[in-house]
N, C-alpha and C. Protein backbone atom coordinates (compact mmCIF):
# COMPACT_ATOMS: atom_id res chain seq x y z
N UNK A 1 100.40 95.13 98.53
CA UNK A 1 100.88 95.29 97.18
C UNK A 1 102.09 94.42 96.91
N UNK A 2 103.13 94.47 97.76
CA UNK A 2 104.28 93.61 97.47
C UNK A 2 103.95 92.14 97.39
N UNK A 3 103.01 91.68 98.23
CA UNK A 3 102.65 90.28 98.22
C UNK A 3 101.93 89.91 96.90
N UNK A 4 101.09 90.84 96.41
CA UNK A 4 100.39 90.60 95.14
C UNK A 4 101.36 90.59 93.97
N UNK A 5 102.34 91.48 94.01
CA UNK A 5 103.33 91.49 92.94
C UNK A 5 104.10 90.17 92.95
N UNK A 6 104.54 89.73 94.16
CA UNK A 6 105.27 88.47 94.28
C UNK A 6 104.44 87.28 93.78
N UNK A 7 103.15 87.30 94.11
CA UNK A 7 102.27 86.18 93.80
C UNK A 7 102.01 86.10 92.28
N UNK A 8 101.95 87.25 91.64
CA UNK A 8 101.54 87.24 90.23
C UNK A 8 102.65 87.64 89.26
N UNK A 9 103.81 88.02 89.77
CA UNK A 9 104.91 88.44 88.90
C UNK A 9 106.23 88.42 89.65
N UNK A 10 107.07 89.41 89.37
CA UNK A 10 108.38 89.48 89.99
C UNK A 10 108.51 90.81 90.76
N UNK A 11 108.79 90.72 92.06
CA UNK A 11 109.00 91.90 92.89
C UNK A 11 110.44 92.40 92.65
N UNK A 12 110.56 93.67 92.22
CA UNK A 12 111.86 94.26 91.99
C UNK A 12 112.44 94.85 93.27
N UNK A 13 111.61 95.55 94.06
CA UNK A 13 112.03 96.08 95.35
C UNK A 13 110.80 96.40 96.21
N UNK A 14 111.01 96.40 97.50
CA UNK A 14 110.00 96.82 98.46
C UNK A 14 110.71 97.55 99.59
N UNK A 15 110.42 98.80 99.73
CA UNK A 15 111.02 99.64 100.76
C UNK A 15 112.17 100.45 100.22
N UNK A 16 112.08 101.76 100.44
CA UNK A 16 113.19 102.66 100.04
C UNK A 16 113.50 103.59 101.19
N UNK A 17 114.72 104.09 101.23
CA UNK A 17 115.16 104.92 102.33
C UNK A 17 114.73 106.37 102.11
N UNK A 18 113.42 106.58 102.24
CA UNK A 18 112.82 107.91 102.04
C UNK A 18 111.88 108.21 103.19
N UNK A 19 111.87 109.46 103.57
CA UNK A 19 111.00 109.91 104.67
C UNK A 19 110.21 111.10 104.17
N UNK A 20 108.89 111.06 104.07
CA UNK A 20 108.02 109.92 104.34
C UNK A 20 107.89 109.03 103.11
N UNK A 21 107.52 107.79 103.33
CA UNK A 21 107.19 106.94 102.18
C UNK A 21 108.02 105.69 101.99
N UNK A 22 108.59 105.16 103.04
CA UNK A 22 109.45 104.00 102.92
C UNK A 22 108.79 102.79 102.25
N UNK A 23 107.48 102.50 102.40
CA UNK A 23 106.95 101.25 101.89
C UNK A 23 106.61 101.22 100.38
N UNK A 24 107.38 101.89 99.55
CA UNK A 24 107.17 101.86 98.10
C UNK A 24 107.63 100.54 97.54
N UNK A 25 106.95 100.00 96.53
CA UNK A 25 107.30 98.73 95.93
C UNK A 25 107.18 98.85 94.41
N UNK A 26 107.93 98.00 93.71
CA UNK A 26 107.81 97.92 92.24
C UNK A 26 108.08 96.52 91.81
N UNK A 27 107.46 96.17 90.70
CA UNK A 27 107.66 94.81 90.15
C UNK A 27 107.20 94.75 88.72
N UNK A 28 107.26 93.56 88.19
CA UNK A 28 106.83 93.30 86.84
C UNK A 28 105.73 92.23 86.88
N UNK A 29 104.60 92.54 86.28
CA UNK A 29 103.49 91.61 86.16
C UNK A 29 103.07 91.60 84.70
N UNK A 30 103.09 90.44 84.10
CA UNK A 30 102.74 90.30 82.67
C UNK A 30 103.50 91.27 81.80
N UNK A 31 104.80 91.39 81.99
CA UNK A 31 105.66 92.26 81.20
C UNK A 31 105.35 93.74 81.36
N UNK A 32 104.66 94.07 82.45
CA UNK A 32 104.34 95.49 82.69
C UNK A 32 104.87 95.92 84.06
N UNK A 33 105.43 97.13 84.08
CA UNK A 33 105.91 97.67 85.35
C UNK A 33 104.74 98.08 86.23
N UNK A 34 104.79 97.65 87.48
CA UNK A 34 103.76 97.98 88.46
C UNK A 34 104.47 98.67 89.62
N UNK A 35 103.97 99.82 90.05
CA UNK A 35 104.57 100.56 91.16
C UNK A 35 103.51 100.75 92.22
N UNK A 36 103.81 100.35 93.45
CA UNK A 36 102.91 100.53 94.58
C UNK A 36 103.43 101.67 95.44
N UNK A 37 102.59 102.66 95.66
CA UNK A 37 102.94 103.81 96.50
C UNK A 37 102.35 103.67 97.87
N UNK A 38 102.90 104.36 98.85
CA UNK A 38 102.33 104.34 100.21
C UNK A 38 100.94 104.96 100.22
N UNK A 39 100.20 104.66 101.24
CA UNK A 39 98.82 105.15 101.33
C UNK A 39 98.61 106.55 101.86
N UNK A 40 99.57 107.07 102.61
CA UNK A 40 99.42 108.42 103.13
C UNK A 40 99.68 109.45 102.04
N UNK A 41 98.92 110.53 102.02
CA UNK A 41 99.02 111.50 100.93
C UNK A 41 100.43 112.07 100.71
N UNK A 42 101.10 112.54 101.75
CA UNK A 42 102.42 113.12 101.57
C UNK A 42 103.44 112.08 101.13
N UNK A 43 103.31 110.87 101.67
CA UNK A 43 104.21 109.78 101.28
C UNK A 43 103.96 109.39 99.81
N UNK A 44 102.73 109.30 99.41
CA UNK A 44 102.42 108.95 98.02
C UNK A 44 102.94 110.01 97.05
N UNK A 45 102.76 111.28 97.39
CA UNK A 45 103.21 112.35 96.52
C UNK A 45 104.75 112.39 96.43
N UNK A 46 105.39 112.27 97.56
CA UNK A 46 106.89 112.30 97.56
C UNK A 46 107.44 111.16 96.72
N UNK A 47 106.85 110.00 96.88
CA UNK A 47 107.36 108.84 96.11
C UNK A 47 106.95 108.90 94.64
N UNK A 48 105.87 109.58 94.36
CA UNK A 48 105.53 109.84 92.94
C UNK A 48 106.65 110.68 92.32
N UNK A 49 107.09 111.74 92.96
CA UNK A 49 108.13 112.60 92.43
C UNK A 49 109.46 111.85 92.31
N UNK A 50 109.74 110.99 93.29
CA UNK A 50 111.04 110.30 93.35
C UNK A 50 111.11 109.10 92.39
N UNK A 51 110.04 108.34 92.32
CA UNK A 51 110.05 107.07 91.60
C UNK A 51 109.23 107.11 90.29
N UNK A 52 107.98 107.52 90.39
CA UNK A 52 107.07 107.39 89.23
C UNK A 52 107.34 108.41 88.15
N UNK A 53 107.48 109.70 88.55
CA UNK A 53 107.68 110.74 87.51
C UNK A 53 108.90 110.47 86.65
N UNK A 54 110.07 110.10 87.21
CA UNK A 54 111.19 109.78 86.35
C UNK A 54 110.93 108.62 85.39
N UNK A 55 110.16 107.63 85.83
CA UNK A 55 109.82 106.51 84.97
C UNK A 55 108.93 107.01 83.79
N UNK A 56 107.93 107.84 84.10
CA UNK A 56 107.05 108.41 83.06
C UNK A 56 107.86 109.24 82.09
N UNK A 57 108.76 110.08 82.61
CA UNK A 57 109.59 110.93 81.75
C UNK A 57 110.41 110.06 80.82
N UNK A 58 111.02 109.01 81.34
CA UNK A 58 111.90 108.16 80.54
C UNK A 58 111.07 107.44 79.48
N UNK A 59 109.90 106.93 79.84
CA UNK A 59 109.08 106.20 78.86
C UNK A 59 108.58 107.14 77.75
N UNK A 60 108.29 108.38 78.10
CA UNK A 60 107.79 109.35 77.09
C UNK A 60 108.93 110.08 76.38
N UNK A 61 110.13 109.99 76.90
CA UNK A 61 111.27 110.68 76.29
C UNK A 61 111.22 112.17 76.50
N UNK A 62 110.61 112.59 77.61
CA UNK A 62 110.50 114.05 77.90
C UNK A 62 111.00 114.30 79.34
N UNK A 63 111.18 115.54 79.62
CA UNK A 63 111.47 115.96 81.02
C UNK A 63 110.49 117.06 81.34
N UNK A 64 109.65 116.80 82.32
CA UNK A 64 108.67 117.83 82.69
C UNK A 64 109.38 118.96 83.47
N UNK A 65 108.97 120.18 83.17
CA UNK A 65 109.58 121.35 83.81
C UNK A 65 109.27 121.35 85.31
N UNK A 66 110.25 121.75 86.03
CA UNK A 66 110.07 121.87 87.50
C UNK A 66 110.50 123.30 87.88
N UNK A 67 109.60 124.06 88.39
CA UNK A 67 109.93 125.39 88.81
C UNK A 67 110.56 125.31 90.19
N UNK A 68 111.63 126.03 90.34
CA UNK A 68 112.35 126.02 91.63
C UNK A 68 112.57 127.44 92.11
N UNK A 69 112.66 127.60 93.38
CA UNK A 69 112.91 128.87 93.98
C UNK A 69 113.80 128.70 95.22
N UNK A 70 114.80 129.53 95.35
CA UNK A 70 115.69 129.47 96.50
C UNK A 70 115.12 130.38 97.59
N UNK A 71 115.15 129.90 98.83
CA UNK A 71 114.63 130.67 99.93
C UNK A 71 115.27 130.21 101.23
N UNK A 72 115.45 131.14 102.20
CA UNK A 72 115.96 130.71 103.50
C UNK A 72 114.87 129.98 104.27
N UNK A 73 115.29 129.00 105.05
CA UNK A 73 114.35 128.29 105.93
C UNK A 73 113.91 129.21 107.06
N UNK A 74 112.67 129.13 107.42
CA UNK A 74 112.16 129.94 108.50
C UNK A 74 112.49 129.37 109.89
N UNK A 75 112.87 128.10 109.95
CA UNK A 75 113.18 127.47 111.23
C UNK A 75 114.14 126.28 111.02
N UNK A 76 114.78 125.84 112.08
CA UNK A 76 115.67 124.72 112.01
C UNK A 76 114.87 123.46 111.75
N UNK A 77 115.44 122.58 110.92
CA UNK A 77 114.77 121.32 110.56
C UNK A 77 115.74 120.16 110.84
N UNK A 78 115.26 119.15 111.55
CA UNK A 78 116.05 117.95 111.80
C UNK A 78 115.64 116.88 110.83
N UNK A 79 116.59 116.13 110.31
CA UNK A 79 116.34 115.06 109.36
C UNK A 79 116.96 113.75 109.84
N UNK A 80 116.53 112.67 109.28
CA UNK A 80 117.06 111.35 109.68
C UNK A 80 118.21 110.98 108.78
N UNK A 81 119.41 110.85 109.33
CA UNK A 81 120.57 110.45 108.54
C UNK A 81 120.31 109.05 107.99
N UNK A 82 120.65 108.85 106.71
CA UNK A 82 120.46 107.58 106.07
C UNK A 82 119.16 107.50 105.28
N UNK A 83 118.31 108.51 105.38
CA UNK A 83 117.05 108.54 104.61
C UNK A 83 116.90 109.87 103.94
N UNK A 84 116.61 109.79 102.63
CA UNK A 84 116.29 110.97 101.86
C UNK A 84 114.98 111.50 102.38
N UNK A 85 114.83 112.85 102.50
CA UNK A 85 113.58 113.39 103.05
C UNK A 85 112.95 114.39 102.08
N UNK A 86 111.66 114.31 102.01
CA UNK A 86 110.79 115.20 101.21
C UNK A 86 110.06 116.07 102.19
N UNK A 87 110.41 117.36 102.26
CA UNK A 87 109.84 118.27 103.28
C UNK A 87 108.91 119.28 102.60
N UNK A 88 107.58 119.15 102.82
CA UNK A 88 106.66 120.12 102.30
C UNK A 88 106.88 121.46 102.97
N UNK A 89 106.86 122.55 102.16
CA UNK A 89 107.03 123.89 102.71
C UNK A 89 106.05 124.84 102.01
N UNK A 90 105.76 125.92 102.67
CA UNK A 90 105.03 127.02 102.06
C UNK A 90 105.96 128.23 102.04
N UNK A 91 105.78 129.07 101.05
CA UNK A 91 106.58 130.26 100.95
C UNK A 91 105.83 131.43 101.57
N UNK A 92 106.46 132.02 102.56
CA UNK A 92 105.81 133.07 103.30
C UNK A 92 106.78 134.17 103.65
N UNK A 93 106.52 135.38 103.14
CA UNK A 93 107.41 136.50 103.39
C UNK A 93 108.84 136.20 102.95
N UNK A 94 108.95 135.52 101.84
CA UNK A 94 110.27 135.19 101.27
C UNK A 94 111.00 134.05 101.92
N UNK A 95 110.37 133.34 102.86
CA UNK A 95 111.02 132.22 103.54
C UNK A 95 110.30 130.91 103.28
N UNK A 96 111.03 129.81 103.40
CA UNK A 96 110.46 128.48 103.27
C UNK A 96 110.03 128.02 104.67
N UNK A 97 108.74 127.91 104.88
CA UNK A 97 108.21 127.53 106.18
C UNK A 97 107.79 126.06 106.10
N UNK A 98 108.45 125.17 106.89
CA UNK A 98 108.05 123.75 106.89
C UNK A 98 106.59 123.56 107.29
N UNK A 99 105.91 122.70 106.59
CA UNK A 99 104.54 122.34 106.91
C UNK A 99 104.61 120.99 107.56
N UNK A 100 104.73 120.98 108.88
CA UNK A 100 105.00 119.76 109.64
C UNK A 100 103.69 119.24 110.27
N UNK A 101 102.94 118.45 109.46
CA UNK A 101 101.68 117.92 109.96
C UNK A 101 101.65 116.40 109.88
N UNK A 102 102.68 115.76 109.40
CA UNK A 102 102.69 114.31 109.28
C UNK A 102 102.26 113.84 107.92
N UNK A 103 102.75 112.69 107.55
CA UNK A 103 102.52 112.19 106.17
C UNK A 103 101.08 111.77 105.96
N UNK A 104 100.33 111.54 107.06
CA UNK A 104 98.93 111.12 106.87
C UNK A 104 97.99 112.30 106.69
N UNK A 105 98.43 113.51 106.94
CA UNK A 105 97.56 114.68 106.88
C UNK A 105 97.57 115.31 105.48
N UNK A 106 96.43 115.34 104.84
CA UNK A 106 96.31 115.95 103.51
C UNK A 106 96.63 117.42 103.61
N UNK A 107 96.47 118.02 104.79
CA UNK A 107 96.73 119.43 104.95
C UNK A 107 98.21 119.74 104.78
N UNK A 108 99.08 118.73 104.95
CA UNK A 108 100.50 118.95 104.68
C UNK A 108 100.70 119.39 103.26
N UNK A 109 99.90 118.89 102.34
CA UNK A 109 99.99 119.26 100.93
C UNK A 109 99.14 120.46 100.61
N UNK A 110 97.96 120.54 101.25
CA UNK A 110 97.05 121.65 100.94
C UNK A 110 97.69 123.00 101.33
N UNK A 111 98.48 123.04 102.38
CA UNK A 111 99.09 124.29 102.81
C UNK A 111 100.50 124.52 102.24
N UNK A 112 100.99 123.57 101.46
CA UNK A 112 102.35 123.66 100.93
C UNK A 112 102.38 124.23 99.52
N UNK A 113 103.43 124.99 99.23
CA UNK A 113 103.65 125.52 97.87
C UNK A 113 104.61 124.61 97.09
N UNK A 114 105.34 123.78 97.82
CA UNK A 114 106.29 122.92 97.16
C UNK A 114 107.04 122.08 98.22
N UNK A 115 108.23 121.63 97.86
CA UNK A 115 108.95 120.77 98.78
C UNK A 115 110.44 121.02 98.67
N UNK A 116 111.14 120.70 99.74
CA UNK A 116 112.60 120.72 99.81
C UNK A 116 113.07 119.28 99.90
N UNK A 117 114.08 118.94 99.11
CA UNK A 117 114.67 117.62 99.14
C UNK A 117 115.90 117.68 100.09
N UNK A 118 115.89 116.85 101.08
CA UNK A 118 117.03 116.78 102.03
C UNK A 118 117.73 115.47 101.80
N UNK A 119 119.00 115.53 101.46
CA UNK A 119 119.73 114.30 101.14
C UNK A 119 119.95 113.44 102.40
N UNK A 120 120.28 112.21 102.14
CA UNK A 120 120.40 111.22 103.24
C UNK A 120 121.53 111.42 104.19
N UNK A 121 122.44 112.36 103.87
CA UNK A 121 123.60 112.65 104.73
C UNK A 121 123.42 113.88 105.60
N UNK A 122 122.28 114.52 105.48
CA UNK A 122 122.04 115.77 106.21
C UNK A 122 121.24 115.49 107.46
N UNK A 123 121.75 115.94 108.61
CA UNK A 123 121.03 115.75 109.88
C UNK A 123 120.26 116.98 110.31
N UNK A 124 120.82 118.17 109.98
CA UNK A 124 120.17 119.40 110.42
C UNK A 124 120.31 120.46 109.34
N UNK A 125 119.22 121.19 109.07
CA UNK A 125 119.27 122.37 108.28
C UNK A 125 118.91 123.52 109.23
N UNK A 126 119.75 124.55 109.25
CA UNK A 126 119.54 125.63 110.20
C UNK A 126 118.55 126.66 109.73
N UNK A 127 117.96 127.38 110.67
CA UNK A 127 117.11 128.51 110.34
C UNK A 127 117.99 129.46 109.53
N UNK A 128 117.46 129.98 108.47
CA UNK A 128 118.12 130.91 107.55
C UNK A 128 119.02 130.23 106.54
N UNK A 129 119.20 128.87 106.65
CA UNK A 129 119.94 128.18 105.58
C UNK A 129 119.10 128.32 104.30
N UNK A 130 119.77 128.62 103.19
CA UNK A 130 119.04 128.76 101.91
C UNK A 130 118.87 127.39 101.31
N UNK A 131 117.60 127.08 100.97
CA UNK A 131 117.27 125.79 100.39
C UNK A 131 116.62 126.01 99.02
N UNK A 132 116.59 124.95 98.22
CA UNK A 132 115.92 125.01 96.93
C UNK A 132 114.56 124.36 97.08
N UNK A 133 113.51 125.12 96.81
CA UNK A 133 112.14 124.67 96.88
C UNK A 133 111.67 124.31 95.47
N UNK A 134 111.23 123.07 95.29
CA UNK A 134 110.61 122.65 94.04
C UNK A 134 109.12 122.93 94.21
N UNK A 135 108.62 123.84 93.37
CA UNK A 135 107.23 124.25 93.49
C UNK A 135 106.30 123.22 92.89
N UNK A 136 105.15 123.02 93.52
CA UNK A 136 104.16 122.10 92.94
C UNK A 136 103.63 122.74 91.66
N UNK A 137 103.45 121.92 90.64
CA UNK A 137 102.99 122.47 89.37
C UNK A 137 101.57 122.99 89.44
N UNK A 138 101.33 124.01 88.64
CA UNK A 138 99.98 124.62 88.55
C UNK A 138 99.41 124.27 87.19
N UNK A 139 100.00 123.30 86.51
CA UNK A 139 99.60 122.86 85.17
C UNK A 139 100.75 122.02 84.63
N UNK A 140 100.57 121.43 83.50
CA UNK A 140 101.64 120.59 82.92
C UNK A 140 102.43 121.40 81.90
N UNK A 141 103.74 121.45 82.09
CA UNK A 141 104.62 122.15 81.16
C UNK A 141 105.79 121.22 80.88
N UNK A 142 106.15 121.03 79.65
CA UNK A 142 107.27 120.16 79.29
C UNK A 142 108.43 121.04 78.83
N UNK A 143 109.63 120.55 79.10
CA UNK A 143 110.87 121.20 78.59
C UNK A 143 111.20 120.57 77.26
């Protein structure tokens, strides 16, 4: 995708500090914004939320509602310092349980109720740390 954008237009960026989903790209072709997402399901979804959804909201002049729920983590989670992380979780017995199956596994999303955003400066979240879970939408609702 980045090579095609370069060949036919202007590449704005290729690669972002996100886990999973580093190989995201964007550019302009024929005066139109083109965004290339990673191929793995979890990577594509995380980068949709991070990159594409804000662009759609801005173009439409709306902000889509995001339901959030606070819950303690069921287990300790290690993150990569320097990279923002999108952690799929399921809510079980009032706790956020990480769904750790890898970005290539569609089951990471099928078993998840939402995701936790871990900032690039966080190395460890402890078991019982309270996190904010952004729930996956069950329909489209605008604010």
